[in-house]
Amino acid sequence: MNRRAGALTAVLTALVAAAVPGCSSTPPALSLTVLAAASLQPTFTELGDQFRAEHPGTSVRFDFASSSDLAAQLTQGATGDVFASADTTQMDTVAAAGLLAGARSNSPPTRW
């Protein structure tokens, strides 16, 4: 779980850093949407709670479903900041549609 926590925290932190303008006295409220495989729900929910505690004012919304359903939603116009698939096939589908921005990380579920 430490690898998973580190990976998600790094991704969410990078998104926060990229989304918050540099010279504002009051940073705007930030909302992140994470589309994740249903099998990842317990871990991602826990990580989301930890992330919110470390980044007050940041909203993290999760959409948990099967990886294939999430990939279909994305290719049909749904949006999200993070896509966590349980398999590489669905990640490949989203990548082939040109919908991945930034880094892609493949990590076997047993290593999370």
C-alpha atoms as a PDB file:
ATOM      1  CA  MET A   1       0.000   0.000   0.000  1.00  0.00           C
ATOM      2  CA  ASN A   2       2.950   2.389   0.477  1.00  0.00           C
ATOM      3  CA  ARG A   3       3.656   2.375  -3.279  1.00  0.00           C
ATOM      4  CA  ARG A   4       0.017   3.097  -4.018  1.00  0.00           C
ATOM      5  CA  ALA A   5      -0.094   5.880  -1.439  1.00  0.00           C
ATOM      6  CA  GLY A   6       3.078   7.408  -2.792  1.00  0.00           C
ATOM      7  CA  ALA A   7       1.939   7.219  -6.405  1.00  0.00           C
ATOM      8  CA  LEU A   8      -1.500   8.718  -5.794  1.00  0.00           C
ATOM      9  CA  THR A   9      -0.138  11.388  -3.482  1.00  0.00           C
ATOM     10  CA  ALA A  10       2.466  12.353  -6.082  1.00  0.00           C
ATOM     11  CA  VAL A  11      -0.142  12.568  -8.843  1.00  0.00           C
ATOM     12  CA  LEU A  12      -2.601  14.566  -6.765  1.00  0.00           C
ATOM     13  CA  THR A  13       0.128  16.893  -5.468  1.00  0.00           C
ATOM     14  CA  ALA A  14       1.330  17.544  -9.020  1.00  0.00           C
ATOM     15  CA  LEU A  15      -2.211  18.367 -10.083  1.00  0.00           C
ATOM     16  CA  VAL A  16      -2.626  20.777  -7.186  1.00  0.00           C
ATOM     17  CA  ALA A  17       0.690  22.481  -7.964  1.00  0.00           C
ATOM     18  CA  ALA A  18      -0.206  22.857 -11.636  1.00  0.00           C
ATOM     19  CA  ALA A  19      -3.695  24.147 -10.979  1.00  0.00           C
ATOM     20  CA  VAL A  20      -2.997  26.801  -8.342  1.00  0.00           C
ATOM     21  CA  PRO A  21      -1.794  30.145  -9.736  1.00  0.00           C
ATOM     22  CA  GLY A  22       1.472  31.412  -8.282  1.00  0.00           C
ATOM     23  CA  CYS A  23       0.786  34.995  -7.173  1.00  0.00           C
ATOM     24  CA  SER A  24      -2.607  34.900  -5.523  1.00  0.00           C
ATOM     25  CA  SER A  25      -3.048  35.947  -1.904  1.00  0.00           C
ATOM     26  CA  THR A  26      -5.962  33.539  -1.552  1.00  0.00           C
ATOM     27  CA  PRO A  27      -5.610  30.386  -3.611  1.00  0.00           C
ATOM     28  CA  PRO A  28      -8.813  29.373  -5.358  1.00  0.00           C
ATOM     29  CA  ALA A  29     -10.646  26.280  -4.212  1.00  0.00           C
ATOM     30  CA  LEU A  30      -9.426  23.286  -6.160  1.00  0.00           C
ATOM     31  CA  SER A  31     -11.437  20.248  -7.118  1.00  0.00           C
ATOM     32  CA  LEU A  32      -9.922  17.020  -8.412  1.00  0.00           C
ATOM     33  CA  THR A  33     -11.853  14.183 -10.012  1.00  0.00           C
ATOM     34  CA  VAL A  34     -10.420  10.682  -9.798  1.00  0.00           C
ATOM     35  CA  LEU A  35     -11.871   7.909 -11.960  1.00  0.00           C
ATOM     36  CA  ALA A  36     -10.719   4.631 -10.458  1.00  0.00           C
ATOM     37  CA  ALA A  37     -11.445   0.938 -10.783  1.00  0.00           C
ATOM     38  CA  ALA A  38     -13.963  -0.296  -8.227  1.00  0.00           C
ATOM     39  CA  SER A  39     -11.386  -2.723  -6.860  1.00  0.00           C
ATOM     40  CA  LEU A  40      -9.298   0.272  -5.778  1.00  0.00           C
ATOM     41  CA  GLN A  41     -12.092   1.945  -3.807  1.00  0.00           C
ATOM     42  CA  PRO A  42     -10.965   1.105  -0.239  1.00  0.00           C
ATOM     43  CA  THR A  43      -7.403   2.253  -0.811  1.00  0.00           C
ATOM     44  CA  PHE A  44      -8.235   5.338  -2.857  1.00  0.00           C
ATOM     45  CA  THR A  45     -10.903   6.436  -0.372  1.00  0.00           C
ATOM     46  CA  GLU A  46      -8.334   6.260   2.431  1.00  0.00           C
ATOM     47  CA  LEU A  47      -5.754   8.105   0.339  1.00  0.00           C
ATOM     48  CA  GLY A  48      -8.321  10.750  -0.563  1.00  0.00           C
ATOM     49  CA  ASP A  49      -9.019  11.376   3.120  1.00  0.00           C
ATOM     50  CA  GLN A  50      -5.289  11.714   3.794  1.00  0.00           C
ATOM     51  CA  PHE A  51      -4.844  14.041   0.817  1.00  0.00           C
ATOM     52  CA  ARG A  52      -7.736  16.286   1.918  1.00  0.00           C
ATOM     53  CA  ALA A  53      -6.241  16.510   5.417  1.00  0.00           C
ATOM     54  CA  GLU A  54      -2.875  17.572   3.978  1.00  0.00           C
ATOM     55  CA  HIS A  55      -4.413  20.002   1.453  1.00  0.00           C
ATOM     56  CA  PRO A  56      -7.271  21.886   3.155  1.00  0.00           C
ATOM     57  CA  GLY A  57      -9.659  23.490   0.707  1.00  0.00           C
ATOM     58  CA  THR A  58      -9.038  20.854  -1.940  1.00  0.00           C
ATOM     59  CA  SER A  59     -11.996  18.738  -2.936  1.00  0.00           C
ATOM     60  CA  VAL A  60     -11.360  15.219  -4.194  1.00  0.00           C
ATOM     61  CA  ARG A  61     -14.282  13.463  -5.875  1.00  0.00           C
ATOM     62  CA  PHE A  62     -14.081   9.795  -6.769  1.00  0.00           C
ATOM     63  CA  ASP A  63     -15.978   7.928  -9.472  1.00  0.00           C
ATOM     64  CA  PHE A  64     -15.540   4.192  -8.908  1.00  0.00           C
ATOM     65  CA  ALA A  65     -16.671   1.714 -11.581  1.00  0.00           C
ATOM     66  CA  SER A  66     -15.259  -1.055 -13.733  1.00  0.00           C
ATOM     67  CA  SER A  67     -12.172  -0.046 -15.681  1.00  0.00           C
ATOM     68  CA  SER A  68     -13.951  -0.740 -18.972  1.00  0.00           C
ATOM     69  CA  ASP A  69     -16.919   1.457 -17.983  1.00  0.00           C
ATOM     70  CA  LEU A  70     -14.603   4.287 -16.950  1.00  0.00           C
ATOM     71  CA  ALA A  71     -12.590   4.012 -20.180  1.00  0.00           C
ATOM     72  CA  ALA A  72     -15.828   4.119 -22.178  1.00  0.00           C
ATOM     73  CA  GLN A  73     -16.988   7.188 -20.243  1.00  0.00           C
ATOM     74  CA  LEU A  74     -13.696   8.959 -20.922  1.00  0.00           C
ATOM     75  CA  THR A  75     -13.691   8.159 -24.642  1.00  0.00           C
ATOM     76  CA  GLN A  76     -17.281   9.424 -24.830  1.00  0.00           C
ATOM     77  CA  GLY A  77     -16.463  12.791 -23.290  1.00  0.00           C
ATOM     78  CA  ALA A  78     -16.360  12.388 -19.511  1.00  0.00           C
ATOM     79  CA  THR A  79     -13.547  14.259 -17.820  1.00  0.00           C
ATOM     80  CA  GLY A  80     -11.302  13.532 -14.887  1.00  0.00           C
ATOM     81  CA  ASP A  81      -7.951  14.504 -13.480  1.00  0.00           C
ATOM     82  CA  VAL A  82      -6.734  10.992 -12.645  1.00  0.00           C
ATOM     83  CA  PHE A  83      -7.637   7.667 -14.282  1.00  0.00           C
ATOM     84  CA  ALA A  84      -6.654   4.550 -12.328  1.00  0.00           C
ATOM     85  CA  SER A  85      -7.416   1.405 -14.292  1.00  0.00           C
ATOM     86  CA  ALA A  86      -7.175  -2.123 -12.934  1.00  0.00           C
ATOM     87  CA  ASP A  87      -5.699  -3.296 -16.236  1.00  0.00           C
ATOM     88  CA  THR A  88      -3.464  -1.979 -18.979  1.00  0.00           C
ATOM     89  CA  THR A  89      -5.969  -2.735 -21.753  1.00  0.00           C
ATOM     90  CA  GLN A  90      -8.316   0.035 -20.626  1.00  0.00           C
ATOM     91  CA  MET A  91      -5.422   2.422 -20.042  1.00  0.00           C
ATOM     92  CA  ASP A  92      -4.248   1.649 -23.593  1.00  0.00           C
ATOM     93  CA  THR A  93      -7.748   2.482 -24.880  1.00  0.00           C
ATOM     94  CA  VAL A  94      -7.712   5.863 -23.166  1.00  0.00           C
ATOM     95  CA  ALA A  95      -4.139   6.536 -24.323  1.00  0.00           C
ATOM     96  CA  ALA A  96      -4.988   5.608 -27.931  1.00  0.00           C
ATOM     97  CA  ALA A  97      -7.820   8.146 -27.824  1.00  0.00           C
ATOM     98  CA  GLY A  98      -5.260  10.814 -26.909  1.00  0.00           C
ATOM     99  CA  LEU A  99      -6.813  11.460 -23.521  1.00  0.00           C
ATOM    100  CA  LEU A 100      -3.791  11.029 -21.255  1.00  0.00           C
ATOM    101  CA  ALA A 101      -1.922  14.151 -20.290  1.00  0.00           C
ATOM    102  CA  GLY A 102       1.274  13.861 -18.333  1.00  0.00           C
ATOM    103  CA  ALA A 103       2.739  10.721 -16.864  1.00  0.00           C
ATOM    104  CA  ARG A 104       1.443   7.198 -17.182  1.00  0.00           C
ATOM    105  CA  SER A 105       2.413   4.641 -14.587  1.00  0.00           C
ATOM    106  CA  ASN A 106       1.743   0.926 -14.897  1.00  0.00           C
ATOM    107  CA  SER A 107       1.919  -0.822 -11.567  1.00  0.00           C
ATOM    108  CA  PRO A 108       0.695  -4.359 -11.002  1.00  0.00           C
ATOM    109  CA  PRO A 109      -2.146  -4.499  -8.445  1.00  0.00           C
ATOM    110  CA  THR A 110      -0.189  -6.926  -6.269  1.00  0.00           C
ATOM    111  CA  ARG A 111       2.530  -4.311  -5.825  1.00  0.00           C
ATOM    112  CA  TRP A 112       0.139  -1.623  -4.565  1.00  0.00           C
END
